[in-house]
Amino acid sequence: VMLQSGMRAPMGIKVKGPNLETIEGVGLAIERFLKEVPTIEASAVIADRIVGKPYLEIVIDREAISRYGVMLAQVQEVIETAIGGKPLTSTVEGRERYPVRVRYQRELRDNIEGLEKILVASPKGEQIPLTQLARVRYVRGPQVIKSEDTFLTGYVLFDMKPGYAEVDVVEQAKAYLEDKIKTGEFILPPGVSYAFAGSYENQVRAQKKLAVILPLALFTIFLILYLEFRAISTTLFVFSGILAAWSGGFLMIWLYGQDWFLDFNLFGENMRDLFQVHPINLSVAIWVGFLALFGIASDDGVLMATYLDESFRDRTSSTVADVRQAVVEGASRRIRPALMTASTTILALIPILTSRGRGADILVPMAI
């Protein structure tokens, strides 16, 4: 997720603007509104606190140093040496090298009062305290500065409540913020924009691709079946197996959302826990699983239809009883191999259905 969006959350909003203070203000306002969206987990909404880190600033008074005849570079060098330290040499201890730095002791530079007492030598030999030459103060500054597309950026991270799909949650949040803008409760300052980002973008991209790939795959399967049987009627019969498999897939998804499904223990193991039974939302993994399922359903259909064709070719069927007998004979020769191939495929998916860890959230829906 971080490689794709740069954020440490599956969903979030990127706020871009001209300065950090404005971005932080807009981010905090978005955080407040997102907590009101029913499908979003309120405790998971966090906007970046960008400005809030204390910085110590030493502002040199040019008029004051000119009165004492002290050069600006001289004051800067004293500040650099006294606080940051100036390397004089380095010690050699075997293969190790350690720099030797000179600076004030920690107790003389760990507070503003101590820093103000740092002495700067004037050309006349006087030792002038830094407080007479500069103003030492604390200011609030950024904790971290992030930028994207040449704009300063802040993040608002959030997560969805269980049982909701990412795309639906993002669309609801987007509509809610747009309503707040229309009513005037949420005002975007000039030059500030926001955009939703996260793993849901993959879903949107994949849905657009699947809208083309799914019909194309079904058409290709139909065309291949027609080239095999050279008959629309037989092709439609075989193709109807895909529709039956499709409905079976949705039934399985529905069963996974029922409280009573697989609610029993076997050898001391609860089947709901073993097979991770919980509501499944439609996702890219589901549709990829359906595409694989269409292939398996087509294989079984071709296997059955081929032998049924041979059964009718070997006899002349003039009555309903003859047709029935030909169908039964042809099907009885292939029903067992078809069931065996389908069963082995299902059995091979059981380890995936019980898998956990990385990648399981994609593999389990695909296997279902």
Protein backbone atom coordinates (compact mmCIF):
# COMPACT_ATOMS: atom_id res chain seq x y z
CA VAL A 1 0.00 0.00 0.00
CA MET A 2 2.83 2.41 0.86
CA LEU A 3 4.53 1.74 -2.48
CA GLN A 4 1.31 2.54 -4.33
CA SER A 5 0.09 5.59 -2.44
CA GLY A 6 2.84 6.58 0.03
CA MET A 7 0.39 6.29 2.94
CA ARG A 8 0.45 3.88 5.89
CA ALA A 9 -3.23 2.99 5.51
CA PRO A 10 -5.44 1.24 2.93
CA MET A 11 -7.41 4.44 2.34
CA GLY A 12 -6.78 8.11 2.78
CA ILE A 13 -7.04 11.62 1.41
CA LYS A 14 -4.15 13.67 0.07
CA VAL A 15 -4.54 17.40 0.74
CA LYS A 16 -2.42 19.68 -1.43
CA GLY A 17 -2.00 23.39 -0.88
CA PRO A 18 0.27 26.45 -0.89
CA ASN A 19 1.48 26.26 2.74
CA LEU A 20 1.61 23.80 5.60
CA GLU A 21 -0.65 25.73 7.99
CA THR A 22 -3.50 25.81 5.47
CA ILE A 23 -3.06 22.13 4.62
CA GLU A 24 -3.17 21.18 8.30
CA GLY A 25 -6.34 23.22 8.83
CA VAL A 26 -8.11 21.58 5.89
CA GLY A 27 -6.90 18.13 7.01
CA LEU A 28 -8.31 18.63 10.51
CA ALA A 29 -11.65 19.77 9.04
CA ILE A 30 -11.79 16.68 6.79
CA GLU A 31 -10.94 14.50 9.81
CA ARG A 32 -13.90 15.94 11.70
CA PHE A 33 -16.30 15.33 8.80
CA LEU A 34 -15.07 11.81 8.00
CA LYS A 35 -15.79 10.73 11.57
CA GLU A 36 -19.45 11.47 10.84
CA VAL A 37 -19.63 9.08 7.84
CA PRO A 38 -21.51 5.92 8.97
CA THR A 39 -19.32 3.44 7.06
CA ILE A 40 -16.00 4.83 8.36
CA GLU A 41 -14.42 3.74 11.63
CA ALA A 42 -14.28 7.02 13.56
CA SER A 43 -11.35 5.95 15.76
CA ALA A 44 -9.24 5.22 12.64
CA VAL A 45 -9.53 8.72 11.13
CA ILE A 46 -6.27 10.58 11.66
CA ALA A 47 -5.12 13.76 9.95
CA ASP A 48 -1.46 14.74 9.86
CA ARG A 49 -0.46 17.19 12.59
CA ILE A 50 2.02 18.99 10.39
CA VAL A 51 2.86 22.16 12.31
CA GLY A 52 3.59 21.60 15.98
CA LYS A 53 7.26 20.80 16.45
CA PRO A 54 9.25 23.40 18.44
CA TYR A 55 12.21 24.93 16.62
CA LEU A 56 14.87 27.12 18.22
CA GLU A 57 15.60 30.19 16.14
CA ILE A 58 18.48 32.59 16.64
CA VAL A 59 17.75 35.82 14.75
CA ILE A 60 20.85 38.04 14.54
CA ASP A 61 20.22 41.77 15.06
CA ARG A 62 22.28 43.45 12.32
CA GLU A 63 22.05 46.91 13.87
CA ALA A 64 23.32 45.62 17.22
CA ILE A 65 26.34 43.83 15.74
CA SER A 66 27.19 46.92 13.67
CA ARG A 67 27.28 49.03 16.85
CA TYR A 68 29.83 46.66 18.35
CA GLY A 69 31.74 46.34 15.08
CA VAL A 70 31.21 42.58 14.92
CA MET A 71 30.97 40.88 11.52
CA LEU A 72 27.90 38.76 10.73
CA ALA A 73 30.05 35.76 9.75
CA GLN A 74 31.85 35.96 13.10
CA VAL A 75 28.56 35.73 15.05
CA GLN A 76 27.41 32.82 12.88
CA GLU A 77 30.69 31.00 13.43
CA VAL A 78 30.43 31.42 17.23
CA ILE A 79 26.84 30.06 17.16
CA GLU A 80 27.85 27.14 14.96
CA THR A 81 30.84 26.24 17.12
CA ALA A 82 29.24 26.75 20.54
CA ILE A 83 25.99 24.88 19.82
CA GLY A 84 26.63 22.54 16.90
CA GLY A 85 30.30 21.92 17.47
CA LYS A 86 33.30 22.40 15.21
CA PRO A 87 35.47 19.44 14.19
CA LEU A 88 39.14 20.05 14.98
CA THR A 89 40.72 16.71 14.19
CA SER A 90 39.99 12.98 14.40
CA THR A 91 41.46 10.16 16.41
CA VAL A 92 42.59 6.87 14.87
CA GLU A 93 41.92 3.75 16.91
CA GLY A 94 42.72 0.76 14.75
CA ARG A 95 40.21 0.74 11.91
CA GLU A 96 37.95 3.20 13.71
CA ARG A 97 37.92 6.96 13.25
CA TYR A 98 36.34 9.35 15.77
CA PRO A 99 35.99 13.12 15.19
CA VAL A 100 37.15 15.48 17.92
CA ARG A 101 34.71 18.39 18.18
CA VAL A 102 34.82 21.48 20.36
CA ARG A 103 31.65 23.13 21.70
CA TYR A 104 30.02 24.32 24.92
CA GLN A 105 29.22 21.73 27.55
CA ARG A 106 25.64 20.43 27.44
CA GLU A 107 24.52 22.23 30.61
CA LEU A 108 25.61 25.56 29.07
CA ARG A 109 23.58 25.12 25.84
CA ASP A 110 20.49 23.04 26.69
CA ASN A 111 18.19 26.04 27.43
CA ILE A 112 17.53 29.53 26.10
CA GLU A 113 19.09 31.21 29.14
CA GLY A 114 22.32 29.32 28.59
CA LEU A 115 22.38 30.13 24.86
CA GLU A 116 21.85 33.81 25.54
CA LYS A 117 25.04 33.79 27.67
CA ILE A 118 27.25 32.56 24.82
CA LEU A 119 30.04 35.11 24.43
CA VAL A 120 31.05 36.71 21.15
CA ALA A 121 34.39 38.53 20.96
CA SER A 122 34.39 42.03 19.48
CA PRO A 123 37.36 43.56 17.58
CA LYS A 124 38.22 45.53 20.74
CA GLY A 125 38.52 42.36 22.79
CA GLU A 126 35.20 42.70 24.60
CA GLN A 127 33.13 39.56 25.32
CA ILE A 128 29.54 40.33 24.35
CA PRO A 129 26.68 38.01 25.41
CA LEU A 130 24.69 36.65 22.48
CA THR A 131 21.47 38.09 23.94
CA GLN A 132 22.77 41.60 23.09
CA LEU A 133 23.44 40.63 19.46
CA ALA A 134 20.50 38.33 18.62
CA ARG A 135 17.04 37.18 19.67
CA VAL A 136 16.76 33.56 20.77
CA ARG A 137 13.20 32.17 20.58
CA TYR A 138 11.11 29.03 20.12
CA VAL A 139 8.77 28.86 17.10
CA ARG A 140 6.30 26.19 15.95
CA GLY A 141 7.38 24.49 12.76
CA PRO A 142 6.63 21.41 10.66
CA GLN A 143 7.25 17.93 12.03
CA VAL A 144 7.70 16.61 8.50
CA ILE A 145 7.37 18.18 5.06
CA LYS A 146 5.84 16.03 2.33
CA SER A 147 5.39 17.02 -1.27
CA GLU A 148 3.86 15.40 -4.35
CA ASP A 149 3.52 16.75 -7.89
CA THR A 150 5.43 19.89 -6.77
CA PHE A 151 2.75 20.63 -4.12
CA LEU A 152 3.07 20.53 -0.34
CA THR A 153 0.94 17.59 0.84
CA GLY A 154 -0.74 16.36 4.01
CA TYR A 155 -2.52 13.04 4.58
CA VAL A 156 -5.82 12.17 6.25
CA LEU A 157 -5.85 8.43 6.94
CA PHE A 158 -9.02 6.44 7.60
CA ASP A 159 -10.38 2.90 7.53
CA MET A 160 -13.78 1.31 6.93
CA LYS A 161 -16.06 -0.54 9.32
CA PRO A 162 -16.24 -4.34 8.92
CA GLY A 163 -18.68 -5.59 6.31
CA TYR A 164 -18.30 -2.71 3.85
CA ALA A 165 -16.49 -2.56 0.51
CA GLU A 166 -13.64 -0.07 0.05
CA VAL A 167 -15.04 1.49 -3.10
CA ASP A 168 -18.47 2.03 -1.50
CA VAL A 169 -16.89 3.63 1.59
CA VAL A 170 -14.78 6.02 -0.50
CA GLU A 171 -17.77 7.00 -2.65
CA GLN A 172 -19.86 7.72 0.46
CA ALA A 173 -17.07 9.77 2.02
CA LYS A 174 -16.58 11.70 -1.23
CA ALA A 175 -20.30 12.45 -1.50
CA TYR A 176 -20.45 13.52 2.17
CA LEU A 177 -17.57 16.00 1.76
CA GLU A 178 -19.11 17.39 -1.44
CA ASP A 179 -22.41 17.95 0.40
CA LYS A 180 -20.57 19.82 3.17
CA ILE A 181 -18.91 22.04 0.56
CA LYS A 182 -22.29 22.79 -1.06
CA THR A 183 -23.89 23.70 2.28
CA GLY A 184 -20.93 25.92 3.20
CA GLU A 185 -19.92 23.94 6.30
CA PHE A 186 -16.65 22.94 4.64
CA ILE A 187 -14.78 25.76 2.92
CA LEU A 188 -11.74 24.98 0.80
CA PRO A 189 -9.23 27.87 0.86
CA PRO A 190 -7.92 29.10 -2.51
CA GLY A 191 -5.22 26.87 -3.96
CA VAL A 192 -6.13 23.85 -1.80
CA SER A 193 -7.36 20.58 -3.28
CA TYR A 194 -7.92 17.07 -1.97
CA ALA A 195 -8.05 13.63 -3.59
CA PHE A 196 -8.84 10.15 -2.30
CA ALA A 197 -6.06 7.59 -2.60
CA GLY A 198 -5.30 4.05 -1.50
CA SER A 199 -5.85 0.45 -2.47
CA TYR A 200 -9.42 1.18 -3.58
CA GLU A 201 -7.90 2.74 -6.72
CA ASN A 202 -6.82 -0.76 -7.76
CA GLN A 203 -10.45 -1.88 -7.44
CA VAL A 204 -11.66 0.97 -9.64
CA ARG A 205 -8.99 0.32 -12.27
CA ALA A 206 -9.65 -3.43 -12.20
CA GLN A 207 -13.42 -2.94 -12.51
CA LYS A 208 -12.93 -0.86 -15.64
CA LYS A 209 -10.70 -3.57 -17.12
CA LEU A 210 -13.03 -6.39 -16.08
CA ALA A 211 -15.96 -4.57 -17.70
CA VAL A 212 -14.12 -5.29 -20.98
CA ILE A 213 -12.38 -8.56 -20.12
CA LEU A 214 -15.41 -10.42 -18.69
CA PRO A 215 -17.68 -10.05 -21.76
CA LEU A 216 -14.67 -10.69 -24.01
CA ALA A 217 -13.84 -13.90 -22.14
CA LEU A 218 -17.45 -15.12 -22.34
CA PHE A 219 -17.63 -14.31 -26.05
CA THR A 220 -14.33 -16.10 -26.69
CA ILE A 221 -15.54 -19.19 -24.80
CA PHE A 222 -18.78 -19.17 -26.82
CA LEU A 223 -16.83 -18.82 -30.09
CA ILE A 224 -14.48 -21.69 -29.22
CA LEU A 225 -17.44 -23.90 -28.27
CA TYR A 226 -19.15 -23.08 -31.56
CA LEU A 227 -16.01 -23.93 -33.53
CA GLU A 228 -15.91 -27.26 -31.69
CA PHE A 229 -19.54 -28.33 -32.18
CA ARG A 230 -20.55 -26.32 -35.27
CA ALA A 231 -24.06 -26.02 -33.84
CA ILE A 232 -25.63 -23.09 -32.03
CA SER A 233 -27.98 -25.37 -30.07
CA THR A 234 -25.18 -27.56 -28.68
CA THR A 235 -23.04 -24.50 -27.97
CA LEU A 236 -25.88 -22.87 -26.01
CA PHE A 237 -26.45 -26.07 -24.02
CA VAL A 238 -22.77 -26.20 -23.03
CA PHE A 239 -22.68 -22.45 -22.43
CA SER A 240 -25.64 -22.74 -20.06
CA GLY A 241 -23.29 -24.62 -17.69
CA ILE A 242 -21.37 -21.37 -17.28
CA LEU A 243 -24.53 -19.59 -16.14
CA ALA A 244 -25.25 -22.41 -13.66
CA ALA A 245 -21.68 -22.18 -12.33
CA TRP A 246 -22.01 -18.41 -12.08
CA SER A 247 -25.16 -18.71 -9.99
CA GLY A 248 -23.46 -21.36 -7.84
CA GLY A 249 -20.59 -18.99 -7.17
CA PHE A 250 -22.96 -16.29 -5.94
CA LEU A 251 -24.77 -18.87 -3.79
CA MET A 252 -21.45 -19.73 -2.16
CA ILE A 253 -20.74 -16.05 -1.50
CA TRP A 254 -24.23 -15.75 0.02
CA LEU A 255 -23.68 -18.83 2.20
CA TYR A 256 -20.43 -17.34 3.55
CA GLY A 257 -22.49 -14.41 4.84
CA GLN A 258 -24.94 -16.63 6.78
CA ASP A 259 -24.45 -17.22 10.52
CA TRP A 260 -25.51 -20.89 10.34
CA PHE A 261 -23.27 -21.93 7.44
CA LEU A 262 -20.66 -24.55 8.55
CA ASP A 263 -21.52 -23.82 12.18
CA PHE A 264 -20.43 -27.16 13.65
CA ASN A 265 -17.33 -28.77 15.14
CA LEU A 266 -15.35 -31.66 13.67
CA PHE A 267 -12.50 -33.28 15.61
CA GLY A 268 -12.63 -30.34 18.02
CA GLU A 269 -12.21 -27.79 15.22
CA ASN A 270 -14.93 -25.29 14.37
CA MET A 271 -15.55 -25.34 10.63
CA ARG A 272 -16.40 -21.64 10.48
CA ASP A 273 -13.02 -20.79 11.97
CA LEU A 274 -11.20 -23.34 9.82
CA PHE A 275 -12.67 -22.06 6.53
CA GLN A 276 -12.74 -18.41 7.70
CA VAL A 277 -16.46 -18.00 7.07
CA HIS A 278 -17.37 -14.31 7.03
CA PRO A 279 -19.24 -11.93 4.68
CA ILE A 280 -17.39 -11.59 1.37
CA ASN A 281 -17.63 -8.41 -0.72
CA LEU A 282 -17.37 -8.49 -4.48
CA SER A 283 -13.79 -7.74 -5.46
CA VAL A 284 -11.27 -8.24 -8.23
CA ALA A 285 -10.31 -11.59 -6.69
CA ILE A 286 -13.95 -12.77 -6.91
CA TRP A 287 -14.20 -11.91 -10.61
CA VAL A 288 -10.86 -13.55 -11.41
CA GLY A 289 -12.15 -16.65 -9.59
CA PHE A 290 -15.30 -16.53 -11.73
CA LEU A 291 -13.20 -16.42 -14.90
CA ALA A 292 -11.37 -19.57 -13.79
CA LEU A 293 -14.72 -21.14 -12.88
CA PHE A 294 -16.08 -20.46 -16.38
CA GLY A 295 -13.16 -22.41 -17.81
CA ILE A 296 -13.82 -25.41 -15.54
CA ALA A 297 -17.56 -25.35 -16.34
CA SER A 298 -16.79 -25.21 -20.06
CA ASP A 299 -14.42 -28.18 -19.77
CA ASP A 300 -17.08 -30.32 -18.12
CA GLY A 301 -19.69 -29.20 -20.65
CA VAL A 302 -17.46 -30.04 -23.60
CA LEU A 303 -16.67 -33.43 -22.07
CA MET A 304 -20.37 -34.29 -21.67
CA ALA A 305 -21.53 -32.83 -24.99
CA THR A 306 -18.86 -34.69 -26.98
CA TYR A 307 -20.02 -38.06 -25.72
CA LEU A 308 -23.70 -37.14 -26.10
CA ASP A 309 -23.00 -36.25 -29.75
CA GLU A 310 -21.31 -39.64 -30.24
CA SER A 311 -24.25 -41.39 -28.56
CA PHE A 312 -26.74 -39.75 -30.96
CA ARG A 313 -24.48 -40.37 -33.93
CA ASP A 314 -24.43 -44.11 -33.27
CA ARG A 315 -28.23 -44.49 -33.24
CA THR A 316 -31.37 -43.13 -34.85
CA SER A 317 -33.62 -41.48 -32.30
CA SER A 318 -37.23 -41.09 -33.45
CA THR A 319 -39.12 -41.07 -30.15
CA VAL A 320 -38.79 -39.37 -26.78
CA ALA A 321 -37.83 -42.69 -25.22
CA ASP A 322 -35.02 -43.16 -27.78
CA VAL A 323 -33.70 -39.65 -27.11
CA ARG A 324 -33.83 -40.26 -23.36
CA GLN A 325 -31.98 -43.57 -23.70
CA ALA A 326 -29.27 -41.98 -25.87
CA VAL A 327 -28.80 -39.18 -23.38
CA VAL A 328 -28.59 -41.55 -20.42
CA GLU A 329 -26.10 -43.83 -22.17
CA GLY A 330 -23.89 -40.97 -23.30
CA ALA A 331 -24.01 -39.22 -19.92
CA SER A 332 -23.42 -42.37 -17.87
CA ARG A 333 -20.10 -42.93 -19.68
CA ARG A 334 -18.79 -39.45 -18.82
CA ILE A 335 -20.54 -38.31 -15.64
CA ARG A 336 -18.02 -40.06 -13.40
CA PRO A 337 -14.89 -38.60 -15.11
CA ALA A 338 -16.53 -35.15 -15.10
CA LEU A 339 -17.33 -35.42 -11.37
CA MET A 340 -13.81 -36.67 -10.64
CA THR A 341 -12.13 -33.76 -12.43
CA ALA A 342 -14.43 -31.23 -10.72
CA SER A 343 -13.91 -32.91 -7.32
CA THR A 344 -10.13 -32.88 -7.60
CA THR A 345 -10.26 -29.18 -8.47
CA ILE A 346 -12.44 -28.45 -5.42
CA LEU A 347 -10.26 -30.58 -3.12
CA ALA A 348 -7.15 -28.78 -4.35
CA LEU A 349 -8.72 -25.47 -3.27
CA ILE A 350 -9.32 -26.56 0.34
CA PRO A 351 -5.77 -25.66 1.49
CA ILE A 352 -6.30 -22.20 -0.02
CA LEU A 353 -9.67 -21.80 1.74
CA THR A 354 -7.97 -22.51 5.08
CA SER A 355 -4.89 -20.37 4.41
CA ARG A 356 -4.00 -17.31 6.49
CA GLY A 357 -1.36 -14.61 6.34
CA ARG A 358 -0.13 -12.48 3.47
CA GLY A 359 -2.09 -12.92 0.26
CA ALA A 360 -4.91 -14.92 1.90
CA ASP A 361 -7.34 -11.99 1.57
CA ILE A 362 -6.98 -12.35 -2.22
CA LEU A 363 -6.67 -16.13 -2.56
CA VAL A 364 -9.59 -17.11 -0.28
CA PRO A 365 -12.30 -15.15 -2.19
CA MET A 366 -10.83 -16.44 -5.46
CA ALA A 367 -11.07 -20.04 -4.20
CA ILE A 368 -14.63 -19.54 -2.89
